[in-house]
Structure formats: structure tokens, C-alpha cells
Protein backbone atom coordinates (compact mmCIF):
# COMPACT_ATOMS: atom_id res chain seq x y z
CA MET A 1 110.55 77.05 87.29
CA HIS A 2 110.82 77.87 90.99
CA PHE A 3 112.99 80.89 92.01
CA CYS A 4 115.47 78.76 93.94
CA LYS A 5 116.12 76.55 90.96
CA ARG A 6 116.49 79.64 88.75
CA PHE A 7 118.96 81.10 91.27
CA ARG A 8 121.01 77.93 91.27
CA ASN A 9 121.09 78.05 87.46
CA LEU A 10 122.09 81.71 87.60
CA ALA A 11 124.87 80.99 90.09
CA ALA A 12 126.21 78.29 87.76
CA ALA A 13 125.95 80.56 84.69
CA PRO A 14 126.22 84.22 85.85
CA TRP A 15 126.53 85.38 82.22
CA ALA A 16 122.95 84.20 81.68
CA LEU A 17 121.39 87.11 83.58
CA ARG A 18 118.12 87.92 81.94
CA ARG A 19 114.78 89.38 82.76
CA VAL A 20 112.65 86.84 84.58
CA PRO A 21 108.96 87.48 84.00
CA VAL A 22 107.04 88.68 87.06
CA GLU A 23 104.60 85.97 87.90
CA ALA A 24 102.80 84.85 91.03
CA HIS A 25 103.78 81.41 92.34
CA LYS A 26 101.00 79.25 93.72
CA HIS A 27 101.42 77.05 96.78
CA ARG A 28 98.30 75.19 97.86
CA GLY A 29 96.27 77.72 95.92
CA GLN A 30 97.86 80.81 97.47
CA ASP A 31 100.10 83.42 95.87
CA MET A 32 103.39 83.14 97.70
CA HIS A 33 105.92 85.42 96.04
CA LYS A 34 106.89 86.90 92.71
CA THR A 35 110.01 86.69 90.62
CA MET A 36 111.75 89.78 89.28
CA ASP A 37 114.71 90.90 87.21
CA ALA A 38 117.34 88.56 88.72
CA GLY A 39 120.30 90.67 87.53
CA LYS A 40 118.98 93.85 89.13
CA ALA A 41 118.02 92.07 92.33
CA ILE A 42 121.51 90.58 92.64
CA GLU A 43 123.15 93.85 91.84
CA GLY A 44 121.01 95.59 94.44
CA LEU A 45 119.98 98.20 91.98
CA SER A 46 116.22 97.74 92.36
CA VAL A 47 114.80 99.22 95.55
CA GLY A 48 111.66 97.63 96.89
CA VAL A 49 112.15 94.24 95.26
CA THR A 50 111.28 92.26 98.36
CA THR A 51 107.86 90.66 98.01
CA SER A 52 105.59 88.91 100.43
CA ALA A 53 102.82 86.36 100.55
CA GLN A 54 100.38 89.24 100.75
CA VAL A 55 98.74 90.56 97.59
CA SER A 56 100.13 94.03 98.56
CA GLY A 57 103.52 93.03 97.22
CA ALA A 58 106.78 94.87 97.71
CA ALA A 59 108.38 96.21 100.86
CA LYS A 60 108.70 99.97 100.82
CA LEU A 61 112.43 100.63 100.85
CA ARG A 62 114.04 104.07 100.52
CA VAL A 63 117.71 104.83 100.10
CA LEU A 64 118.81 107.13 102.93
CA HIS A 65 122.36 107.61 101.74
CA ARG A 66 124.70 106.29 99.11
CA GLU A 67 128.29 107.33 98.86
CA SER A 68 131.51 105.80 97.45
CA VAL A 69 134.27 105.97 99.99
CA ALA A 70 137.97 105.08 100.26
CA GLY A 71 139.55 103.45 103.29
CA MET A 72 137.39 100.36 103.77
CA PRO A 73 139.09 97.30 105.23
CA MET A 74 140.69 95.00 102.72
CA ALA A 75 141.12 91.86 104.89
CA ASP A 76 139.40 88.59 104.01
CA ASN A 77 136.99 89.16 106.90
CA GLN A 78 135.42 92.36 108.15
CA GLU A 79 133.54 93.12 111.33
CA ILE A 80 130.31 95.10 111.09
CA ARG A 81 129.34 97.17 114.17
CA VAL A 82 126.11 99.04 114.67
CA LEU A 83 126.37 101.31 117.68
CA PHE A 84 124.01 103.73 119.43
CA ALA A 85 125.36 107.01 120.76
CA ARG A 86 123.73 109.69 122.84
CA LEU A 87 125.24 113.07 123.74
CA GLU A 88 123.41 115.13 126.29
CA PRO A 89 123.12 118.90 125.74
CA GLY A 90 126.64 120.35 125.94
CA ASP A 91 128.41 116.97 125.67
CA ARG A 92 131.51 116.57 123.47
CA THR A 93 133.35 113.51 122.21
CA PRO A 94 137.05 113.17 122.87
CA TYR A 95 139.40 114.36 120.13
CA HIS A 96 139.86 111.25 118.00
CA SER A 97 140.14 109.64 114.58
CA HIS A 98 138.79 106.44 113.00
CA ARG A 99 140.74 103.87 111.05
CA PHE A 100 137.83 103.27 108.73
CA PRO A 101 134.80 105.40 107.65
CA VAL A 102 131.97 105.78 110.18
CA THR A 103 128.40 106.33 108.94
CA VAL A 104 126.33 108.46 111.28
CA TYR A 105 122.53 108.39 111.08
CA MET A 106 120.97 111.02 113.30
CA LEU A 107 117.86 109.86 115.13
CA GLU A 108 117.18 112.96 117.31
CA GLY A 109 118.73 116.38 117.83
CA THR A 110 121.74 117.84 116.14
CA PHE A 111 125.37 116.76 116.09
CA THR A 112 128.17 119.15 115.12
CA LEU A 113 131.45 117.64 113.85
CA GLU A 114 134.63 119.61 113.87
CA LEU A 115 137.07 117.90 111.44
CA ASP A 116 140.68 119.05 111.15
CA GLY A 117 141.25 121.06 108.02
CA ARG A 118 137.53 121.25 107.12
CA ASP A 119 134.53 123.37 107.90
CA ALA A 120 132.33 122.17 110.76
CA VAL A 121 129.49 119.86 109.71
CA THR A 122 126.05 119.90 111.36
CA VAL A 123 124.00 116.70 111.09
CA LYS A 124 120.31 116.91 112.02
CA ALA A 125 117.75 114.23 112.83
CA GLY A 126 117.02 112.16 109.71
CA GLU A 127 120.29 113.07 108.01
CA VAL A 128 123.33 110.91 107.29
CA PHE A 129 127.06 111.83 107.31
CA VAL A 130 130.08 109.61 106.65
CA GLU A 131 133.07 110.47 108.87
CA PRO A 132 136.23 109.97 106.79
CA PRO A 133 139.05 107.72 108.11
CA HIS A 134 142.32 109.15 109.44
CA VAL A 135 140.87 112.64 110.07
CA ARG A 136 141.17 114.06 113.54
CA MET A 137 137.82 115.25 114.88
CA THR A 138 135.55 115.95 117.81
CA GLY A 139 131.79 115.97 117.88
CA ARG A 140 129.46 118.16 120.01
CA ASN A 141 125.87 118.61 120.96
CA LEU A 142 125.50 122.40 120.94
CA ASP A 143 121.77 122.29 121.72
CA ALA A 144 120.80 123.46 125.22
CA LYS A 145 117.76 121.22 125.57
CA THR A 146 117.68 118.24 123.16
CA PRO A 147 119.96 115.14 123.32
CA ALA A 148 121.74 114.13 120.11
CA THR A 149 121.08 110.50 119.47
CA MET A 150 122.46 108.55 116.59
CA ALA A 151 123.08 105.12 115.08
CA LEU A 152 126.68 104.53 113.96
CA PHE A 153 127.68 101.95 111.34
CA TYR A 154 131.30 100.83 111.31
CA VAL A 155 132.97 98.24 109.16
CA SER A 156 136.52 97.37 110.22
CA THR A 157 139.04 94.58 110.44
CA PRO A 158 138.03 92.29 113.27
CA ASP A 159 138.80 93.63 116.72
CA ALA A 160 140.07 97.01 115.47
CA PRO A 161 139.26 99.78 117.92
CA PHE A 162 136.32 102.05 117.01
CA ALA A 163 138.32 105.20 117.60
CA ASP A 164 141.87 106.19 118.32
CA ALA A 165 142.44 108.99 120.82
CA VAL A 166 144.42 111.92 119.56
CA VAL A 167 146.60 113.84 122.00
């Protein structure tokens, strides 16, 4: 049975999650893709389950960070933002807070976060840190030579501001 048909059957009967044998599907004589444990794939528990038309198989996925957080938006719709930030040596962010958690993935340099009531946190290239919601903070690049560049991931209610200034 083709994967799409299996998926439709699974959607109609979610209690019927079972191990689907791994098998290559042929289309005009070529291996196209493989099936896998449908339950784990849907749950997102298997890393590297994406397959391709190449014999090489699965994409090489690696979990960078996984964390359970409170404070995510509860509205019917959420807005996902992916932002790029760069702080030159000596730069500082304004004193602010966020309404929802912000995930910081450092691409280059070092970023130091000073969060009210907590020890300072230093995030280096290749590291991830989740800024908590409703905590006043400022971030700084204390390095004298290297810019701090990062990707920021923010899920909020639609049109909510990214940050609220604290005076």
C-alpha cells in the first residue's frame, strides 16, 4: 500500500498506529522512498526519518536543543518569526522583556545576557539559549574584536511586539 494511502487510513484511525515495514517503493523501476514507523514519525520522536530518492537514504538531522517551556501563546493562531541579530563589539541591547520565550542560536561570537534576579548567561557560537518570558534583561557583546551574530526564533500571538522596553 502506498504511504499516502496508509497515512489517510492512519488519520481516519489514529488508534491503529503500528510499525510499518521499511520497504523501498518502486516507480518506473526506481527506488523512490521508504516507509517507516508511522507513529514515531508523526510524534517526531525519530530523528533522521526523512528519506530521498537516492539509495543513500535518510537526511542527517541532529537535535540542537530541546526544552519544555511555559509561557507559549495560547491563541488559536500563532505567528512564528525567525530573526537575525548582529551586535558589533561593545554593543548592548536596550533593557527589555519578551512576552513569550525567545530561542537564541548563536552563529558567531559570544553573547552575554544579564537577566534580572539570575546570574549572567554567556552563549557562544553553536550554543542555544531560551530567554524566558516576562524577565527583564539586556544582552551585550563583550568581545573587543568579534561580532555576535545569532538567529532568534519567536512564537507569539499575531502582531505582538518582539520586545517591550523596560524603563
